[in-house]
């Protein structure tokens, strides 16, 4: 299983359209994802203080687009200990096992929503 942090409005649009392709996909050619052990550091680094997010749990065996594990390109990215999963195509909704609101905590940082920690 892999995770993706989505903006709620973009996820709602995907539910209507049948495919999820955030703006970063058009710019970069892939959808950023995280393994469980990478997720919180990613959320804290890129989404600090945001309350408009949804956490997607994705079954990679159900993806219709290719999945590649790659090391982040940014030299200053301290999360680069292990490669990150990237989806090279729109995310088919059938691969999403669960979608939950993912607001930050009072201090702006993140923790796993209930049920995602097992």
C-alpha atoms as a PDB file:
ATOM      1  CA  UNK A   1       0.000   0.000   0.000  1.00  0.00           C
ATOM      2  CA  UNK A   2       1.122   3.533  -0.762  1.00  0.00           C
ATOM      3  CA  UNK A   3      -0.231   6.934   0.230  1.00  0.00           C
ATOM      4  CA  UNK A   4      -1.002  10.165  -1.581  1.00  0.00           C
ATOM      5  CA  UNK A   5      -1.886  13.523  -0.031  1.00  0.00           C
ATOM      6  CA  UNK A   6      -4.548  15.258  -2.108  1.00  0.00           C
ATOM      7  CA  UNK A   7      -6.200  18.657  -1.883  1.00  0.00           C
ATOM      8  CA  UNK A   8      -9.831  18.037  -0.956  1.00  0.00           C
ATOM      9  CA  UNK A   9     -11.312  20.058  -3.854  1.00  0.00           C
ATOM     10  CA  UNK A  10      -9.108  18.207  -6.377  1.00  0.00           C
ATOM     11  CA  UNK A  11     -10.126  14.838  -4.906  1.00  0.00           C
ATOM     12  CA  UNK A  12     -13.812  15.797  -5.057  1.00  0.00           C
ATOM     13  CA  UNK A  13     -13.377  16.745  -8.731  1.00  0.00           C
ATOM     14  CA  UNK A  14     -11.755  13.363  -9.372  1.00  0.00           C
ATOM     15  CA  UNK A  15     -14.742  11.596  -7.813  1.00  0.00           C
ATOM     16  CA  UNK A  16     -16.961  13.389 -10.351  1.00  0.00           C
ATOM     17  CA  UNK A  17     -14.598  12.872 -13.304  1.00  0.00           C
ATOM     18  CA  UNK A  18     -13.546   9.282 -12.606  1.00  0.00           C
ATOM     19  CA  UNK A  19      -9.759   9.889 -12.674  1.00  0.00           C
ATOM     20  CA  UNK A  20      -7.393  11.804 -10.438  1.00  0.00           C
ATOM     21  CA  UNK A  21      -4.643  13.897 -12.028  1.00  0.00           C
ATOM     22  CA  UNK A  22      -3.575  16.813  -9.801  1.00  0.00           C
ATOM     23  CA  UNK A  23      -1.958  19.942 -11.305  1.00  0.00           C
ATOM     24  CA  UNK A  24       1.518  18.650 -10.367  1.00  0.00           C
ATOM     25  CA  UNK A  25       0.936  15.657 -12.662  1.00  0.00           C
ATOM     26  CA  UNK A  26       0.659  17.947 -15.694  1.00  0.00           C
ATOM     27  CA  UNK A  27       3.840  19.754 -14.675  1.00  0.00           C
ATOM     28  CA  UNK A  28       5.962  16.749 -13.647  1.00  0.00           C
ATOM     29  CA  UNK A  29       4.468  13.761 -15.457  1.00  0.00           C
ATOM     30  CA  UNK A  30       3.817  11.694 -12.342  1.00  0.00           C
ATOM     31  CA  UNK A  31       1.828  11.696  -9.101  1.00  0.00           C
ATOM     32  CA  UNK A  32       3.893  11.911  -5.914  1.00  0.00           C
ATOM     33  CA  UNK A  33       3.178   9.209  -3.342  1.00  0.00           C
ATOM     34  CA  UNK A  34       4.761   8.004  -0.115  1.00  0.00           C
ATOM     35  CA  UNK A  35       5.335   4.754   1.689  1.00  0.00           C
ATOM     36  CA  UNK A  36       3.924   4.608   5.221  1.00  0.00           C
ATOM     37  CA  UNK A  37       7.292   5.450   6.802  1.00  0.00           C
ATOM     38  CA  UNK A  38       7.706   8.501   4.506  1.00  0.00           C
ATOM     39  CA  UNK A  39       4.214   9.944   4.842  1.00  0.00           C
ATOM     40  CA  UNK A  40       4.357  12.134   7.953  1.00  0.00           C
ATOM     41  CA  UNK A  41       7.718  13.698   7.053  1.00  0.00           C
ATOM     42  CA  UNK A  42       6.338  14.503   3.594  1.00  0.00           C
ATOM     43  CA  UNK A  43       3.163  16.036   5.036  1.00  0.00           C
ATOM     44  CA  UNK A  44       5.127  18.104   7.546  1.00  0.00           C
ATOM     45  CA  UNK A  45       7.577  19.312   4.884  1.00  0.00           C
ATOM     46  CA  UNK A  46       5.113  20.285   2.143  1.00  0.00           C
ATOM     47  CA  UNK A  47       1.707  20.779   3.806  1.00  0.00           C
ATOM     48  CA  UNK A  48       2.462  22.305   7.224  1.00  0.00           C
ATOM     49  CA  UNK A  49      -0.633  24.033   8.612  1.00  0.00           C
ATOM     50  CA  UNK A  50      -3.078  22.892   5.912  1.00  0.00           C
ATOM     51  CA  UNK A  51      -6.586  21.769   6.781  1.00  0.00           C
ATOM     52  CA  UNK A  52      -7.914  21.103   3.247  1.00  0.00           C
ATOM     53  CA  UNK A  53      -6.265  17.748   2.590  1.00  0.00           C
ATOM     54  CA  UNK A  54      -7.375  14.170   2.014  1.00  0.00           C
ATOM     55  CA  UNK A  55      -5.182  11.131   2.608  1.00  0.00           C
ATOM     56  CA  UNK A  56      -5.534   8.400  -0.005  1.00  0.00           C
ATOM     57  CA  UNK A  57      -4.586   4.798   0.697  1.00  0.00           C
ATOM     58  CA  UNK A  58      -3.728   3.185  -2.640  1.00  0.00           C
ATOM     59  CA  UNK A  59      -3.434  -0.508  -3.463  1.00  0.00           C
ATOM     60  CA  UNK A  60      -0.554  -0.469  -5.906  1.00  0.00           C
ATOM     61  CA  UNK A  61      -1.638  -3.821  -7.377  1.00  0.00           C
ATOM     62  CA  UNK A  62      -4.819  -2.111  -8.652  1.00  0.00           C
ATOM     63  CA  UNK A  63      -3.070   0.751 -10.465  1.00  0.00           C
ATOM     64  CA  UNK A  64      -3.603   0.994 -14.201  1.00  0.00           C
ATOM     65  CA  UNK A  65      -0.674   3.423 -14.634  1.00  0.00           C
ATOM     66  CA  UNK A  66       2.973   2.423 -14.122  1.00  0.00           C
ATOM     67  CA  UNK A  67       4.463   2.796 -10.638  1.00  0.00           C
ATOM     68  CA  UNK A  68       8.162   3.557 -10.153  1.00  0.00           C
ATOM     69  CA  UNK A  69      10.190   4.013  -6.985  1.00  0.00           C
ATOM     70  CA  UNK A  70      12.609   6.926  -7.348  1.00  0.00           C
ATOM     71  CA  UNK A  71      14.913   8.984  -5.154  1.00  0.00           C
ATOM     72  CA  UNK A  72      13.833  12.660  -4.799  1.00  0.00           C
ATOM     73  CA  UNK A  73      15.696  14.981  -7.143  1.00  0.00           C
ATOM     74  CA  UNK A  74      16.182  17.793  -4.600  1.00  0.00           C
ATOM     75  CA  UNK A  75      19.650  17.558  -3.085  1.00  0.00           C
ATOM     76  CA  UNK A  76      18.452  19.152   0.161  1.00  0.00           C
ATOM     77  CA  UNK A  77      15.579  16.671   0.642  1.00  0.00           C
ATOM     78  CA  UNK A  78      16.362  14.911   3.905  1.00  0.00           C
ATOM     79  CA  UNK A  79      13.702  12.260   3.228  1.00  0.00           C
ATOM     80  CA  UNK A  80      15.857  10.694   0.491  1.00  0.00           C
ATOM     81  CA  UNK A  81      16.888   7.662   2.577  1.00  0.00           C
ATOM     82  CA  UNK A  82      14.667   5.446   0.425  1.00  0.00           C
ATOM     83  CA  UNK A  83      12.986   5.839  -2.966  1.00  0.00           C
ATOM     84  CA  UNK A  84       9.481   7.300  -3.192  1.00  0.00           C
ATOM     85  CA  UNK A  85       6.628   5.748  -5.196  1.00  0.00           C
ATOM     86  CA  UNK A  86       5.567   7.772  -8.244  1.00  0.00           C
ATOM     87  CA  UNK A  87       2.529   6.968 -10.395  1.00  0.00           C
ATOM     88  CA  UNK A  88       3.232   7.701 -14.081  1.00  0.00           C
ATOM     89  CA  UNK A  89      -0.292   8.386 -15.224  1.00  0.00           C
ATOM     90  CA  UNK A  90      -3.637   9.463 -13.814  1.00  0.00           C
ATOM     91  CA  UNK A  91      -4.743   7.600 -10.693  1.00  0.00           C
ATOM     92  CA  UNK A  92      -7.668   5.281 -11.387  1.00  0.00           C
ATOM     93  CA  UNK A  93     -10.169   5.551  -8.545  1.00  0.00           C
ATOM     94  CA  UNK A  94     -10.471   1.768  -8.267  1.00  0.00           C
ATOM     95  CA  UNK A  95      -6.968   1.666  -6.795  1.00  0.00           C
ATOM     96  CA  UNK A  96      -7.968   3.924  -3.879  1.00  0.00           C
ATOM     97  CA  UNK A  97      -8.903   1.723  -0.928  1.00  0.00           C
ATOM     98  CA  UNK A  98      -9.646   4.560   1.473  1.00  0.00           C
ATOM     99  CA  UNK A  99      -9.848   8.356   1.467  1.00  0.00           C
ATOM    100  CA  UNK A 100      -9.979  10.295   4.745  1.00  0.00           C
ATOM    101  CA  UNK A 101      -9.778  13.929   5.747  1.00  0.00           C
ATOM    102  CA  UNK A 102      -6.153  14.714   6.640  1.00  0.00           C
ATOM    103  CA  UNK A 103      -6.081  18.030   8.514  1.00  0.00           C
ATOM    104  CA  UNK A 104      -3.019  19.128  10.393  1.00  0.00           C
ATOM    105  CA  UNK A 105      -2.949  19.093  14.180  1.00  0.00           C
ATOM    106  CA  UNK A 106      -3.117  22.248  16.316  1.00  0.00           C
ATOM    107  CA  UNK A 107       0.638  22.850  15.957  1.00  0.00           C
ATOM    108  CA  UNK A 108       0.477  22.536  12.133  1.00  0.00           C
ATOM    109  CA  UNK A 109       2.122  19.105  11.983  1.00  0.00           C
ATOM    110  CA  UNK A 110       0.538  15.826  10.918  1.00  0.00           C
ATOM    111  CA  UNK A 111      -0.219  12.393  12.332  1.00  0.00           C
ATOM    112  CA  UNK A 112      -1.885   9.360  10.805  1.00  0.00           C
ATOM    113  CA  UNK A 113      -5.691   9.412  10.960  1.00  0.00           C
ATOM    114  CA  UNK A 114      -7.305   6.670  13.079  1.00  0.00           C
ATOM    115  CA  UNK A 115      -7.170   3.296  11.359  1.00  0.00           C
ATOM    116  CA  UNK A 116      -4.197   4.170   9.129  1.00  0.00           C
ATOM    117  CA  UNK A 117      -1.610   3.216  11.731  1.00  0.00           C
ATOM    118  CA  UNK A 118      -2.081  -0.542  11.629  1.00  0.00           C
END
